[in-house]
Protein backbone atom coordinates (compact mmCIF):
# COMPACT_ATOMS: atom_id res chain seq x y z
CA UNK A 1 -53.57 21.50 -23.50
CA UNK A 2 -50.37 19.67 -24.88
CA UNK A 3 -50.79 16.59 -26.61
CA UNK A 4 -47.75 14.47 -27.23
CA UNK A 5 -48.07 11.92 -29.72
CA UNK A 6 -45.09 8.95 -29.33
CA UNK A 7 -43.88 5.56 -30.32
CA UNK A 8 -41.60 3.27 -31.43
CA UNK A 9 -40.27 4.74 -35.30
CA UNK A 10 -42.28 3.12 -37.88
CA UNK A 11 -45.41 3.56 -36.09
CA UNK A 12 -47.52 5.73 -38.12
CA UNK A 13 -46.99 9.16 -36.26
CA UNK A 14 -45.68 11.75 -38.63
CA UNK A 15 -47.99 10.17 -41.42
CA UNK A 16 -51.07 10.61 -38.57
CA UNK A 17 -50.56 13.81 -37.17
CA UNK A 18 -49.46 15.73 -40.74
CA UNK A 19 -53.31 14.52 -41.90
CA UNK A 20 -54.83 15.91 -38.36
CA UNK A 21 -57.74 18.61 -38.91
CA UNK A 22 -57.52 20.90 -36.07
CA UNK A 23 -56.46 24.56 -34.98
CA UNK A 24 -53.84 23.56 -32.47
CA UNK A 25 -50.18 23.18 -33.42
CA UNK A 26 -48.53 20.28 -34.43
CA UNK A 27 -44.66 19.96 -34.26
CA UNK A 28 -42.89 17.05 -34.89
CA UNK A 29 -40.06 17.44 -32.85
CA UNK A 30 -37.54 15.58 -34.78
CA UNK A 31 -37.56 18.48 -37.26
CA UNK A 32 -37.20 20.96 -34.34
CA UNK A 33 -34.30 19.22 -33.16
CA UNK A 34 -32.50 19.21 -36.19
CA UNK A 35 -33.50 22.42 -37.58
CA UNK A 36 -32.82 24.11 -34.19
CA UNK A 37 -29.28 22.27 -32.85
CA UNK A 38 -31.22 21.21 -29.93
CA UNK A 39 -28.91 18.12 -29.93
CA UNK A 40 -25.97 17.31 -27.63
CA UNK A 41 -23.63 15.56 -30.05
CA UNK A 42 -24.18 12.60 -32.14
CA UNK A 43 -24.35 8.52 -32.10
CA UNK A 44 -21.91 7.37 -34.39
CA UNK A 45 -22.79 3.59 -33.80
CA UNK A 46 -26.35 4.34 -34.35
CA UNK A 47 -25.58 7.23 -37.09
CA UNK A 48 -28.11 9.21 -35.09
CA UNK A 49 -28.20 12.67 -33.49
CA UNK A 50 -28.21 12.69 -29.46
CA UNK A 51 -31.17 15.03 -28.81
CA UNK A 52 -30.56 17.29 -25.85
CA UNK A 53 -33.56 16.58 -23.59
CA UNK A 54 -33.36 20.02 -21.87
CA UNK A 55 -33.09 22.33 -24.31
CA UNK A 56 -36.19 20.19 -26.35
CA UNK A 57 -38.48 20.85 -23.10
CA UNK A 58 -36.96 24.63 -22.50
CA UNK A 59 -38.29 25.05 -26.36
CA UNK A 60 -41.42 23.61 -25.96
CA UNK A 61 -42.45 25.49 -22.81
CA UNK A 62 -43.28 28.19 -25.28
CA UNK A 63 -46.09 26.33 -26.41
CA UNK A 64 -49.12 25.72 -24.37
CA UNK A 65 -51.93 24.61 -27.11
CA UNK A 66 -49.78 22.25 -29.06
CA UNK A 67 -49.53 18.75 -30.54
CA UNK A 68 -46.23 17.81 -30.60
CA UNK A 69 -44.79 14.14 -32.42
CA UNK A 70 -41.68 11.83 -32.66
CA UNK A 71 -40.63 9.02 -30.26
CA UNK A 72 -39.27 11.34 -27.29
CA UNK A 73 -42.35 13.15 -27.32
CA UNK A 74 -43.60 11.35 -23.80
CA UNK A 75 -40.36 11.92 -22.46
CA UNK A 76 -42.12 15.73 -21.98
CA UNK A 77 -44.56 17.65 -20.05
CA UNK A 78 -47.87 16.79 -21.55
CA UNK A 79 -51.73 16.59 -20.52
CA UNK A 80 -52.25 13.64 -22.83
CA UNK A 81 -49.78 11.10 -24.29
CA UNK A 82 -51.47 9.04 -26.91
CA UNK A 83 -48.43 5.98 -27.65
CA UNK A 84 -49.16 4.71 -31.05
CA UNK A 85 -47.72 0.90 -31.21
CA UNK A 86 -47.80 -1.55 -34.07
CA UNK A 87 -46.93 -5.45 -33.94
CA UNK A 88 -43.35 -6.08 -34.25
CA UNK A 89 -43.21 -7.86 -37.43
CA UNK A 90 -45.16 -5.14 -39.26
CA UNK A 91 -42.82 -2.71 -37.88
CA UNK A 92 -40.02 -4.20 -39.10
CA UNK A 93 -41.63 -4.26 -42.55
CA UNK A 94 -42.19 -0.79 -42.36
CA UNK A 95 -38.77 0.26 -40.86
CA UNK A 96 -37.28 -2.13 -43.82
CA UNK A 97 -39.16 -0.62 -46.09
CA UNK A 98 -37.42 3.24 -45.29
CA UNK A 99 -34.20 1.60 -46.28
CA UNK A 100 -33.41 1.43 -42.30
CA UNK A 101 -30.38 -0.31 -41.83
CA UNK A 102 -30.70 -4.38 -40.04
CA UNK A 103 -29.80 -3.55 -36.24
CA UNK A 104 -32.41 -0.78 -36.15
CA UNK A 105 -34.96 -2.56 -37.46
CA UNK A 106 -34.20 -5.74 -35.29
CA UNK A 107 -33.56 -3.48 -32.35
CA UNK A 108 -36.77 -0.96 -32.48
CA UNK A 109 -38.86 -4.27 -33.47
CA UNK A 110 -37.48 -5.61 -29.96
CA UNK A 111 -38.68 -2.72 -28.40
CA UNK A 112 -42.01 -2.75 -29.60
CA UNK A 113 -42.53 -6.24 -28.01
CA UNK A 114 -41.26 -4.90 -24.87
CA UNK A 115 -43.20 -1.92 -24.47
CA UNK A 116 -40.71 0.27 -23.99
CA UNK A 117 -41.89 3.75 -24.69
CA UNK A 118 -45.06 2.39 -23.69
CA UNK A 119 -43.65 1.45 -19.99
CA UNK A 120 -41.73 5.11 -20.49
CA UNK A 121 -44.67 6.89 -21.11
CA UNK A 122 -47.10 5.68 -17.73
CA UNK A 123 -43.65 5.83 -15.89
CA UNK A 124 -43.88 9.67 -16.38
CA UNK A 125 -47.39 10.57 -17.47
CA UNK A 126 -49.36 7.89 -15.25
CA UNK A 127 -52.10 5.86 -16.44
CA UNK A 128 -55.07 8.32 -16.87
CA UNK A 129 -53.25 10.57 -18.85
CA UNK A 130 -51.90 7.87 -21.65
CA UNK A 131 -53.99 6.34 -24.83
CA UNK A 132 -52.69 3.28 -26.72
CA UNK A 133 -53.23 2.63 -29.81
CA UNK A 134 -51.99 -0.20 -32.07
CA UNK A 135 -52.12 0.85 -35.17
CA UNK A 136 -51.16 -2.24 -37.30
CA UNK A 137 -54.03 -2.76 -38.90
CA UNK A 138 -55.36 0.44 -39.55
CA UNK A 139 -54.89 3.22 -42.42
CA UNK A 140 -53.73 6.43 -41.43
CA UNK A 141 -57.15 8.38 -41.74
CA UNK A 142 -58.20 6.02 -38.99
CA UNK A 143 -55.01 6.39 -36.78
CA UNK A 144 -55.85 10.36 -37.17
CA UNK A 145 -59.50 10.13 -35.88
CA UNK A 146 -58.34 8.09 -33.22
CA UNK A 147 -55.32 10.89 -32.25
CA UNK A 148 -58.60 13.46 -32.75
CA UNK A 149 -60.96 11.53 -30.54
CA UNK A 150 -58.16 11.80 -27.83
CA UNK A 151 -57.78 15.55 -28.42
CA UNK A 152 -61.57 16.37 -27.88
CA UNK A 153 -62.14 13.89 -24.86
CA UNK A 154 -64.23 11.40 -26.62
CA UNK A 155 -61.86 8.62 -25.90
CA UNK A 156 -60.66 7.16 -22.71
CA UNK A 157 -57.32 6.52 -21.45
CA UNK A 158 -55.87 3.30 -21.80
CA UNK A 159 -52.45 1.56 -21.30
CA UNK A 160 -51.77 -2.04 -21.01
CA UNK A 161 -54.20 -3.10 -23.92
CA UNK A 162 -51.67 -3.95 -26.19
CA UNK A 163 -49.81 -7.01 -25.79
CA UNK A 164 -46.59 -8.31 -28.79
CA UNK A 165 -44.42 -10.13 -25.98
CA UNK A 166 -45.55 -13.66 -28.52
CA UNK A 167 -43.03 -12.17 -30.81
CA UNK A 168 -40.24 -12.75 -28.52
């Protein structure tokens, strides 16, 4: 089974998946993209690499029993997609704490308020394979436990259960 863990940067994907106690391989896609050079160039305005999604899809094709995480994970084939969400104010605080530029902080907070990642995940995978989790007030252990519940089938799909529209 292939499980994607996705969400706006700062929602807790890496922190939670690093704590998983599973025999399943855990892949941090952003590391793979950088280390394997799965890019098409650089976005100078955002000071980031541009991911070659076809190359990443090809790389992932060789991994069947895997959990992969990234803000891009929902763009790839998966049996279950966990979308981590976080209130935009808390998300902005987390990103500022990381030292992200103010433009990046504002862009990601707005993206979270508009449900961008969730909408893309549902559009690609359907509501029956998407599991939305509000991480705003959860500690990393609780987020990890929720992801484990998705993997084991103890949690039902849920999309559209979180709304941060009041932030706008």
